[in-house]
Amino acid sequence: MDGVYPFTNVPENLELDYFQNNLTFEFSAVHWGKSGRLKFRHRLFGYTEEWSKLSDETTVTYSNLEPGEYTLDFRAEFENEDWYDQRRYTFYIHPPWWQTWWFRILAGALIVFVLIQIFRIRTAQLRKRQFELEETVKERTAEIEHQKTVIEEKQKETMDSINYAKRIQYTLLAHDDLMAENLPDHFVLFKPKDVVSGDFYWATHKPADEKDKRDLFFLAVCDSTGHGVPGAFMSLLNISFLNEAINEKECLIREKFWIIPVSA
C-alpha cells in the first residue's frame, strides 16, 4: 500500500531534555496477505535525508543528537517488489538552558549592562584623573605665578637700583653748561652698552686765582675696568678720585703736563 502513516502505541509529540539525546528505536511489520520476508529502511530528518540500506535490522540508534525537531521515517517492504508500508514519528529535543532564546537575551542584556558599568567606572576614573590633573596644574600655575611675581619684584628692585646708579653716574658726568662754556665747538657721543658702564667723561674748570694765575680746564675721557654695575661703581670711584685730586688737593695742577690752558 502507499502513503505515510503515524506509528501506533507510541507517545505523540514526544519532547525530551537535551541530555536525552541517545535514542534507540525498535520496529516490526507483518503483511498478512503476502508471504516472504520483510526488510526495512529508515531515515531521520534533521539528522540525515538519505534512506538507509534495505536490511533485516529492526532497531536503529542515534547518539548525541543536537537539540531540535526530528522526524523518523520507517519503511517496511519486500525486496524487488513495488510495495512498502511507511510510518512517520516526530519528536523534539529541547536545548539546554544556556542555549535558549531567553537565556541569550538575558546574557546579552547582562553583557551590555556590564559594559555600561565598565564604561561608567572608566569614565569616572578618567574624570577623577582629569580633576586631579587640573588641580595639579592650578597648583603649579599658582607656584609659577608666585615665582614670576617674586622674580619681577627682584628684577624691579634690580632695575631701580641700576637706574638709581645711572642717575648718580649721569649727575657726576661733566654737565652740558660746563662743556659749552669751556668748549663751545664740542659734541659728546656717550652710548654705554648697558644702562650703566665703566665709561665716563669728567671735566672741571679752575679759574685763575692768586695762587695760580692761569685759567685751567680739565677734561678726562676714561674707561674703567668692568661692565654694567661693577664698571659703574669703578667709574664713580674714579670720578671721586679725580675730584679729590684736582678740585680738593690740587695734586695735578702742579704737574705741568697735566695742565690744559683754556686760553693763551
C-alpha atoms as a PDB file:
ATOM      1  CA  MET A   1       0.000   0.000   0.000  1.00  0.00           C
ATOM      2  CA  ASP A   2       1.031   3.583  -0.497  1.00  0.00           C
ATOM      3  CA  GLY A   3       1.084   6.530   1.929  1.00  0.00           C
ATOM      4  CA  VAL A   4       2.718   7.561   5.162  1.00  0.00           C
ATOM      5  CA  TYR A   5       1.076   6.782   8.477  1.00  0.00           C
ATOM      6  CA  PRO A   6       1.986   7.555  12.058  1.00  0.00           C
ATOM      7  CA  PHE A   7       3.304   4.936  14.432  1.00  0.00           C
ATOM      8  CA  THR A   8       0.840   3.413  16.806  1.00  0.00           C
ATOM      9  CA  ASN A   9       1.193   2.670  20.510  1.00  0.00           C
ATOM     10  CA  VAL A  10       3.819   5.397  21.000  1.00  0.00           C
ATOM     11  CA  PRO A  11       3.543   8.803  22.749  1.00  0.00           C
ATOM     12  CA  GLU A  12       2.623  11.624  20.406  1.00  0.00           C
ATOM     13  CA  ASN A  13       4.623  14.865  20.187  1.00  0.00           C
ATOM     14  CA  LEU A  14       7.363  13.480  22.352  1.00  0.00           C
ATOM     15  CA  GLU A  15       9.553  16.186  23.987  1.00  0.00           C
ATOM     16  CA  LEU A  16      12.891  15.293  25.505  1.00  0.00           C
ATOM     17  CA  ASP A  17      15.518  17.151  27.522  1.00  0.00           C
ATOM     18  CA  TYR A  18      18.864  17.999  25.924  1.00  0.00           C
ATOM     19  CA  PHE A  19      20.644  15.192  27.789  1.00  0.00           C
ATOM     20  CA  GLN A  20      18.106  12.612  26.474  1.00  0.00           C
ATOM     21  CA  ASN A  21      19.751  12.608  23.072  1.00  0.00           C
ATOM     22  CA  ASN A  22      20.844   8.991  22.730  1.00  0.00           C
ATOM     23  CA  LEU A  23      17.803   7.199  21.304  1.00  0.00           C
ATOM     24  CA  THR A  24      17.121   3.642  20.115  1.00  0.00           C
ATOM     25  CA  PHE A  25      14.035   2.813  18.063  1.00  0.00           C
ATOM     26  CA  GLU A  26      12.651  -0.707  17.590  1.00  0.00           C
ATOM     27  CA  PHE A  27      10.109  -1.521  14.899  1.00  0.00           C
ATOM     28  CA  SER A  28       8.443  -4.530  13.263  1.00  0.00           C
ATOM     29  CA  ALA A  29       5.940  -5.164  10.491  1.00  0.00           C
ATOM     30  CA  VAL A  30       3.652  -8.041   9.310  1.00  0.00           C
ATOM     31  CA  HIS A  31       1.931  -8.436   5.981  1.00  0.00           C
ATOM     32  CA  TRP A  32      -0.994 -10.909   6.214  1.00  0.00           C
ATOM     33  CA  GLY A  33      -1.665 -11.170   2.518  1.00  0.00           C
ATOM     34  CA  LYS A  34       1.809 -11.968   1.230  1.00  0.00           C
ATOM     35  CA  SER A  35       4.409 -14.472   2.116  1.00  0.00           C
ATOM     36  CA  GLY A  36       8.041 -13.598   2.200  1.00  0.00           C
ATOM     37  CA  ARG A  37      10.475 -11.857   4.434  1.00  0.00           C
ATOM     38  CA  LEU A  38      10.030  -8.139   5.065  1.00  0.00           C
ATOM     39  CA  LYS A  39      13.012  -5.842   5.114  1.00  0.00           C
ATOM     40  CA  PHE A  40      13.329  -2.336   6.433  1.00  0.00           C
ATOM     41  CA  ARG A  41      14.689   1.131   5.680  1.00  0.00           C
ATOM     42  CA  HIS A  42      14.755   4.249   7.842  1.00  0.00           C
ATOM     43  CA  ARG A  43      15.864   7.884   7.804  1.00  0.00           C
ATOM     44  CA  LEU A  44      15.810  10.712  10.362  1.00  0.00           C
ATOM     45  CA  PHE A  45      15.001  14.190   9.036  1.00  0.00           C
ATOM     46  CA  GLY A  46      17.006  16.772  10.922  1.00  0.00           C
ATOM     47  CA  TYR A  47      19.903  14.323  11.047  1.00  0.00           C
ATOM     48  CA  THR A  48      20.062  12.940   7.512  1.00  0.00           C
ATOM     49  CA  GLU A  49      17.784  12.898   4.469  1.00  0.00           C
ATOM     50  CA  GLU A  50      19.203   9.719   2.985  1.00  0.00           C
ATOM     51  CA  TRP A  51      17.428   6.391   3.410  1.00  0.00           C
ATOM     52  CA  SER A  52      19.401   3.601   4.963  1.00  0.00           C
ATOM     53  CA  LYS A  53      20.109   0.472   3.015  1.00  0.00           C
ATOM     54  CA  LEU A  54      17.458  -2.224   2.954  1.00  0.00           C
ATOM     55  CA  SER A  55      18.192  -4.687   5.755  1.00  0.00           C
ATOM     56  CA  ASP A  56      16.746  -7.127   8.264  1.00  0.00           C
ATOM     57  CA  GLU A  57      17.649  -4.883  11.213  1.00  0.00           C
ATOM     58  CA  THR A  58      14.642  -3.824  13.277  1.00  0.00           C
ATOM     59  CA  THR A  59      16.464  -1.389  15.569  1.00  0.00           C
ATOM     60  CA  VAL A  60      18.259   1.882  14.946  1.00  0.00           C
ATOM     61  CA  THR A  61      20.231   4.017  17.403  1.00  0.00           C
ATOM     62  CA  TYR A  62      21.030   7.730  17.142  1.00  0.00           C
ATOM     63  CA  SER A  63      23.610   9.177  19.524  1.00  0.00           C
ATOM     64  CA  ASN A  64      24.391  12.729  20.601  1.00  0.00           C
ATOM     65  CA  LEU A  65      21.527  14.315  18.730  1.00  0.00           C
ATOM     66  CA  GLU A  66      21.575  18.112  18.710  1.00  0.00           C
ATOM     67  CA  PRO A  67      18.590  19.986  20.126  1.00  0.00           C
ATOM     68  CA  GLY A  68      15.810  20.465  17.618  1.00  0.00           C
ATOM     69  CA  GLU A  69      12.860  18.786  15.908  1.00  0.00           C
ATOM     70  CA  TYR A  70      13.320  15.391  14.227  1.00  0.00           C
ATOM     71  CA  THR A  71      11.143  13.213  12.064  1.00  0.00           C
ATOM     72  CA  LEU A  72      11.792   9.477  11.820  1.00  0.00           C
ATOM     73  CA  ASP A  73      10.573   7.670   8.694  1.00  0.00           C
ATOM     74  CA  PHE A  74      10.350   3.883   8.765  1.00  0.00           C
ATOM     75  CA  ARG A  75       9.552   1.745   5.743  1.00  0.00           C
ATOM     76  CA  ALA A  76       8.847  -1.991   5.507  1.00  0.00           C
ATOM     77  CA  GLU A  77       8.954  -3.581   2.027  1.00  0.00           C
ATOM     78  CA  PHE A  78       9.560  -6.792   0.116  1.00  0.00           C
ATOM     79  CA  GLU A  79      12.786  -6.895  -1.792  1.00  0.00           C
ATOM     80  CA  ASN A  80      12.327  -6.414  -5.567  1.00  0.00           C
ATOM     81  CA  GLU A  81       8.622  -5.628  -5.197  1.00  0.00           C
ATOM     82  CA  ASP A  82       6.825  -2.331  -5.614  1.00  0.00           C
ATOM     83  CA  TRP A  83       5.200  -2.316  -2.217  1.00  0.00           C
ATOM     84  CA  TYR A  84       6.011  -0.613   1.058  1.00  0.00           C
ATOM     85  CA  ASP A  85       4.445   0.447   4.277  1.00  0.00           C
ATOM     86  CA  GLN A  86       5.866   3.750   5.634  1.00  0.00           C
ATOM     87  CA  ARG A  87       5.345   5.166   9.078  1.00  0.00           C
ATOM     88  CA  ARG A  88       6.401   8.556  10.479  1.00  0.00           C
ATOM     89  CA  TYR A  89       7.173   9.717  14.001  1.00  0.00           C
ATOM     90  CA  THR A  90       8.097  13.266  15.127  1.00  0.00           C
ATOM     91  CA  PHE A  91       9.795  14.227  18.364  1.00  0.00           C
ATOM     92  CA  TYR A  92      11.567  17.264  19.792  1.00  0.00           C
ATOM     93  CA  ILE A  93      14.726  17.636  21.898  1.00  0.00           C
ATOM     94  CA  HIS A  94      14.822  20.775  23.996  1.00  0.00           C
ATOM     95  CA  PRO A  95      18.064  22.778  24.019  1.00  0.00           C
ATOM     96  CA  PRO A  96      19.914  23.263  27.314  1.00  0.00           C
ATOM     97  CA  TRP A  97      19.004  26.375  29.232  1.00  0.00           C
ATOM     98  CA  TRP A  98      22.178  28.189  28.152  1.00  0.00           C
ATOM     99  CA  GLN A  99      21.115  27.762  24.517  1.00  0.00           C
ATOM    100  CA  THR A 100      17.585  29.061  24.924  1.00  0.00           C
ATOM    101  CA  TRP A 101      16.490  32.377  23.450  1.00  0.00           C
ATOM    102  CA  TRP A 102      15.550  33.832  26.806  1.00  0.00           C
ATOM    103  CA  PHE A 103      18.996  32.989  28.217  1.00  0.00           C
ATOM    104  CA  ARG A 104      20.701  34.562  25.215  1.00  0.00           C
ATOM    105  CA  ILE A 105      18.632  37.712  25.629  1.00  0.00           C
ATOM    106  CA  LEU A 106      19.396  37.754  29.345  1.00  0.00           C
ATOM    107  CA  ALA A 107      23.104  37.109  28.727  1.00  0.00           C
ATOM    108  CA  GLY A 108      23.196  39.825  26.062  1.00  0.00           C
ATOM    109  CA  ALA A 109      21.484  42.263  28.409  1.00  0.00           C
ATOM    110  CA  LEU A 110      23.909  41.310  31.189  1.00  0.00           C
ATOM    111  CA  ILE A 111      26.904  41.827  28.906  1.00  0.00           C
ATOM    112  CA  VAL A 112      25.558  45.225  27.833  1.00  0.00           C
ATOM    113  CA  PHE A 113      24.958  46.137  31.481  1.00  0.00           C
ATOM    114  CA  VAL A 114      28.489  45.081  32.459  1.00  0.00           C
ATOM    115  CA  LEU A 115      29.976  47.036  29.547  1.00  0.00           C
ATOM    116  CA  ILE A 116      27.970  50.103  30.529  1.00  0.00           C
ATOM    117  CA  GLN A 117      29.156  49.796  34.130  1.00  0.00           C
ATOM    118  CA  ILE A 118      32.752  49.352  32.998  1.00  0.00           C
ATOM    119  CA  PHE A 119      32.358  52.412  30.763  1.00  0.00           C
ATOM    120  CA  ARG A 120      30.895  54.416  33.640  1.00  0.00           C
ATOM    121  CA  ILE A 121      33.628  53.331  36.047  1.00  0.00           C
ATOM    122  CA  ARG A 122      36.304  54.096  33.470  1.00  0.00           C
ATOM    123  CA  THR A 123      34.718  57.460  32.721  1.00  0.00           C
ATOM    124  CA  ALA A 124      34.555  58.255  36.436  1.00  0.00           C
ATOM    125  CA  GLN A 125      38.225  57.302  36.817  1.00  0.00           C
ATOM    126  CA  LEU A 126      39.181  59.479  33.856  1.00  0.00           C
ATOM    127  CA  ARG A 127      37.164  62.380  35.236  1.00  0.00           C
ATOM    128  CA  LYS A 128      38.796  61.951  38.627  1.00  0.00           C
ATOM    129  CA  ARG A 129      42.199  61.821  36.990  1.00  0.00           C
ATOM    130  CA  GLN A 130      41.352  64.887  34.913  1.00  0.00           C
ATOM    131  CA  PHE A 131      40.228  66.722  38.056  1.00  0.00           C
ATOM    132  CA  GLU A 132      43.459  65.762  39.837  1.00  0.00           C
ATOM    133  CA  LEU A 133      45.493  66.937  36.845  1.00  0.00           C
ATOM    134  CA  GLU A 134      43.562  70.200  36.724  1.00  0.00           C
ATOM    135  CA  GLU A 135      44.180  70.740  40.436  1.00  0.00           C
ATOM    136  CA  THR A 136      47.865  69.951  39.946  1.00  0.00           C
ATOM    137  CA  VAL A 137      48.014  72.372  37.019  1.00  0.00           C
ATOM    138  CA  LYS A 138      46.323  75.047  39.148  1.00  0.00           C
ATOM    139  CA  GLU A 139      48.819  74.487  41.952  1.00  0.00           C
ATOM    140  CA  ARG A 140      51.775  74.566  39.566  1.00  0.00           C
ATOM    141  CA  THR A 141      50.353  77.647  37.853  1.00  0.00           C
ATOM    142  CA  ALA A 142      49.932  79.377  41.211  1.00  0.00           C
ATOM    143  CA  GLU A 143      53.524  78.474  42.110  1.00  0.00           C
ATOM    144  CA  ILE A 144      54.763  79.767  38.753  1.00  0.00           C
ATOM    145  CA  GLU A 145      52.742  82.964  39.127  1.00  0.00           C
ATOM    146  CA  HIS A 146      54.171  83.435  42.625  1.00  0.00           C
ATOM    147  CA  GLN A 147      57.707  82.788  41.390  1.00  0.00           C
ATOM    148  CA  LYS A 148      57.078  85.123  38.468  1.00  0.00           C
ATOM    149  CA  THR A 149      55.881  87.829  40.862  1.00  0.00           C
ATOM    150  CA  VAL A 150      58.943  87.341  43.081  1.00  0.00           C
ATOM    151  CA  ILE A 151      61.254  87.450  40.059  1.00  0.00           C
ATOM    152  CA  GLU A 152      59.535  90.534  38.676  1.00  0.00           C
ATOM    153  CA  GLU A 153      59.822  92.241  42.073  1.00  0.00           C
ATOM    154  CA  LYS A 154      63.504  91.333  42.271  1.00  0.00           C
ATOM    155  CA  GLN A 155      64.031  92.495  38.693  1.00  0.00           C
ATOM    156  CA  LYS A 156      62.229  95.716  39.504  1.00  0.00           C
ATOM    157  CA  GLU A 157      64.389  96.210  42.569  1.00  0.00           C
ATOM    158  CA  THR A 158      67.481  95.477  40.500  1.00  0.00           C
ATOM    159  CA  MET A 159      66.408  97.806  37.701  1.00  0.00           C
ATOM    160  CA  ASP A 160      65.526 100.502  40.245  1.00  0.00           C
ATOM    161  CA  SER A 161      68.992 100.131  41.729  1.00  0.00           C
ATOM    162  CA  ILE A 162      70.602 100.238  38.277  1.00  0.00           C
ATOM    163  CA  ASN A 163      68.547 103.264  37.255  1.00  0.00           C
ATOM    164  CA  TYR A 164      69.475 104.928  40.540  1.00  0.00           C
ATOM    165  CA  ALA A 165      73.144 104.201  39.790  1.00  0.00           C
ATOM    166  CA  LYS A 166      72.585 105.625  36.303  1.00  0.00           C
ATOM    167  CA  ARG A 167      71.176 108.851  37.718  1.00  0.00           C
ATOM    168  CA  ILE A 168      74.116 109.128  40.077  1.00  0.00           C
ATOM    169  CA  GLN A 169      76.578 108.436  37.266  1.00  0.00           C
ATOM    170  CA  TYR A 170      74.963 110.929  34.890  1.00  0.00           C
ATOM    171  CA  THR A 171      74.906 113.509  37.677  1.00  0.00           C
ATOM    172  CA  LEU A 172      78.678 113.153  38.128  1.00  0.00           C
ATOM    173  CA  LEU A 173      79.458 113.361  34.418  1.00  0.00           C
ATOM    174  CA  ALA A 174      80.563 116.720  33.012  1.00  0.00           C
ATOM    175  CA  HIS A 175      77.374 118.731  32.599  1.00  0.00           C
ATOM    176  CA  ASP A 176      76.448 120.488  29.367  1.00  0.00           C
ATOM    177  CA  ASP A 177      76.809 124.041  30.665  1.00  0.00           C
ATOM    178  CA  LEU A 178      80.393 123.439  31.764  1.00  0.00           C
ATOM    179  CA  MET A 179      81.263 121.827  28.433  1.00  0.00           C
ATOM    180  CA  ALA A 180      79.580 124.560  26.383  1.00  0.00           C
ATOM    181  CA  GLU A 181      81.235 127.318  28.387  1.00  0.00           C
ATOM    182  CA  ASN A 182      84.734 125.938  28.009  1.00  0.00           C
ATOM    183  CA  LEU A 183      84.452 124.023  24.681  1.00  0.00           C
ATOM    184  CA  PRO A 184      81.882 125.832  22.540  1.00  0.00           C
ATOM    185  CA  ASP A 185      82.501 123.647  19.482  1.00  0.00           C
ATOM    186  CA  HIS A 186      82.189 120.268  21.161  1.00  0.00           C
ATOM    187  CA  PHE A 187      79.950 117.251  20.947  1.00  0.00           C
ATOM    188  CA  VAL A 188      79.609 114.215  23.216  1.00  0.00           C
ATOM    189  CA  LEU A 189      78.851 110.703  21.950  1.00  0.00           C
ATOM    190  CA  PHE A 190      78.160 108.624  25.030  1.00  0.00           C
ATOM    191  CA  LYS A 191      76.431 105.274  24.375  1.00  0.00           C
ATOM    192  CA  PRO A 192      77.033 102.727  27.139  1.00  0.00           C
ATOM    193  CA  LYS A 193      76.468  99.101  26.228  1.00  0.00           C
ATOM    194  CA  ASP A 194      74.384  98.626  29.374  1.00  0.00           C
ATOM    195  CA  VAL A 195      72.271 101.024  31.405  1.00  0.00           C
ATOM    196  CA  VAL A 196      75.409 101.937  33.300  1.00  0.00           C
ATOM    197  CA  SER A 197      79.007 101.261  32.397  1.00  0.00           C
ATOM    198  CA  GLY A 198      82.607 101.906  33.324  1.00  0.00           C
ATOM    199  CA  ASP A 199      82.999 104.523  30.568  1.00  0.00           C
ATOM    200  CA  PHE A 200      82.735 108.112  31.684  1.00  0.00           C
ATOM    201  CA  TYR A 201      83.852 111.611  30.870  1.00  0.00           C
ATOM    202  CA  TRP A 202      84.714 114.166  33.505  1.00  0.00           C
ATOM    203  CA  ALA A 203      85.601 117.844  33.387  1.00  0.00           C
ATOM    204  CA  THR A 204      86.282 120.705  35.760  1.00  0.00           C
ATOM    205  CA  HIS A 205      87.243 124.372  35.444  1.00  0.00           C
ATOM    206  CA  LYS A 206      89.835 126.014  37.686  1.00  0.00           C
ATOM    207  CA  PRO A 207      89.637 129.775  37.308  1.00  0.00           C
ATOM    208  CA  ALA A 208      92.739 131.856  37.880  1.00  0.00           C
ATOM    209  CA  ASP A 209      93.399 132.905  41.466  1.00  0.00           C
ATOM    210  CA  GLU A 210      96.144 134.457  43.500  1.00  0.00           C
ATOM    211  CA  LYS A 211      97.941 131.157  43.816  1.00  0.00           C
ATOM    212  CA  ASP A 212      97.765 130.210  40.170  1.00  0.00           C
ATOM    213  CA  LYS A 213      97.278 132.940  37.612  1.00  0.00           C
ATOM    214  CA  ARG A 214      96.223 130.530  34.930  1.00  0.00           C
ATOM    215  CA  ASP A 215      92.621 129.748  33.908  1.00  0.00           C
ATOM    216  CA  LEU A 216      92.579 125.958  33.561  1.00  0.00           C
ATOM    217  CA  PHE A 217      90.050 123.430  32.193  1.00  0.00           C
ATOM    218  CA  PHE A 218      90.476 119.726  32.839  1.00  0.00           C
ATOM    219  CA  LEU A 219      88.810 117.062  30.674  1.00  0.00           C
ATOM    220  CA  ALA A 220      89.128 113.281  31.128  1.00  0.00           C
ATOM    221  CA  VAL A 221      87.619 110.574  28.962  1.00  0.00           C
ATOM    222  CA  CYS A 222      88.105 107.245  30.710  1.00  0.00           C
ATOM    223  CA  ASP A 223      87.244 103.568  30.548  1.00  0.00           C
ATOM    224  CA  SER A 224      87.143 101.897  33.941  1.00  0.00           C
ATOM    225  CA  THR A 225      87.612  98.185  34.336  1.00  0.00           C
ATOM    226  CA  GLY A 226      84.359  96.216  34.158  1.00  0.00           C
ATOM    227  CA  HIS A 227      80.938  96.468  32.596  1.00  0.00           C
ATOM    228  CA  GLY A 228      77.475  97.138  33.883  1.00  0.00           C
ATOM    229  CA  VAL A 229      77.043  97.834  37.586  1.00  0.00           C
ATOM    230  CA  PRO A 230      80.635  96.826  38.592  1.00  0.00           C
ATOM    231  CA  GLY A 231      82.043  99.126  35.902  1.00  0.00           C
ATOM    232  CA  ALA A 232      79.694 101.907  37.000  1.00  0.00           C
ATOM    233  CA  PHE A 233      80.948 101.641  40.583  1.00  0.00           C
ATOM    234  CA  MET A 234      84.511 101.827  39.302  1.00  0.00           C
ATOM    235  CA  SER A 235      83.663 104.921  37.257  1.00  0.00           C
ATOM    236  CA  LEU A 236      82.074 106.569  40.326  1.00  0.00           C
ATOM    237  CA  LEU A 237      85.209 105.831  42.331  1.00  0.00           C
ATOM    238  CA  ASN A 238      87.437 107.203  39.588  1.00  0.00           C
ATOM    239  CA  ILE A 239      85.316 110.374  39.298  1.00  0.00           C
ATOM    240  CA  SER A 240      85.565 110.778  43.045  1.00  0.00           C
ATOM    241  CA  PHE A 241      89.349 110.321  42.900  1.00  0.00           C
ATOM    242  CA  LEU A 242      89.643 112.909  40.111  1.00  0.00           C
ATOM    243  CA  ASN A 243      87.549 115.420  42.064  1.00  0.00           C
ATOM    244  CA  GLU A 244      89.615 114.826  45.165  1.00  0.00           C
ATOM    245  CA  ALA A 245      92.921 115.039  43.342  1.00  0.00           C
ATOM    246  CA  ILE A 246      92.226 118.135  41.264  1.00  0.00           C
ATOM    247  CA  ASN A 247      89.493 120.134  42.979  1.00  0.00           C
ATOM    248  CA  GLU A 248      90.335 119.417  46.612  1.00  0.00           C
ATOM    249  CA  LYS A 249      94.045 118.599  46.832  1.00  0.00           C
ATOM    250  CA  GLU A 250      95.105 120.224  43.541  1.00  0.00           C
ATOM    251  CA  CYS A 251      97.611 117.435  43.066  1.00  0.00           C
ATOM    252  CA  LEU A 252      97.794 117.592  39.304  1.00  0.00           C
ATOM    253  CA  ILE A 253      97.833 121.338  38.923  1.00  0.00           C
ATOM    254  CA  ARG A 254     101.458 121.390  39.971  1.00  0.00           C
ATOM    255  CA  GLU A 255     102.359 118.913  37.252  1.00  0.00           C
ATOM    256  CA  LYS A 256     102.689 120.968  34.114  1.00  0.00           C
ATOM    257  CA  PHE A 257     101.976 118.142  31.711  1.00  0.00           C
ATOM    258  CA  TRP A 258      98.505 117.785  33.234  1.00  0.00           C
ATOM    259  CA  ILE A 259      97.624 121.452  32.795  1.00  0.00           C
ATOM    260  CA  ILE A 260      95.399 122.286  29.861  1.00  0.00           C
ATOM    261  CA  PRO A 261      95.103 126.050  29.403  1.00  0.00           C
ATOM    262  CA  VAL A 262      91.748 127.322  28.267  1.00  0.00           C
ATOM    263  CA  SER A 263      93.120 130.457  26.722  1.00  0.00           C
ATOM    264  CA  ALA A 264      96.587 131.751  25.978  1.00  0.00           C
END
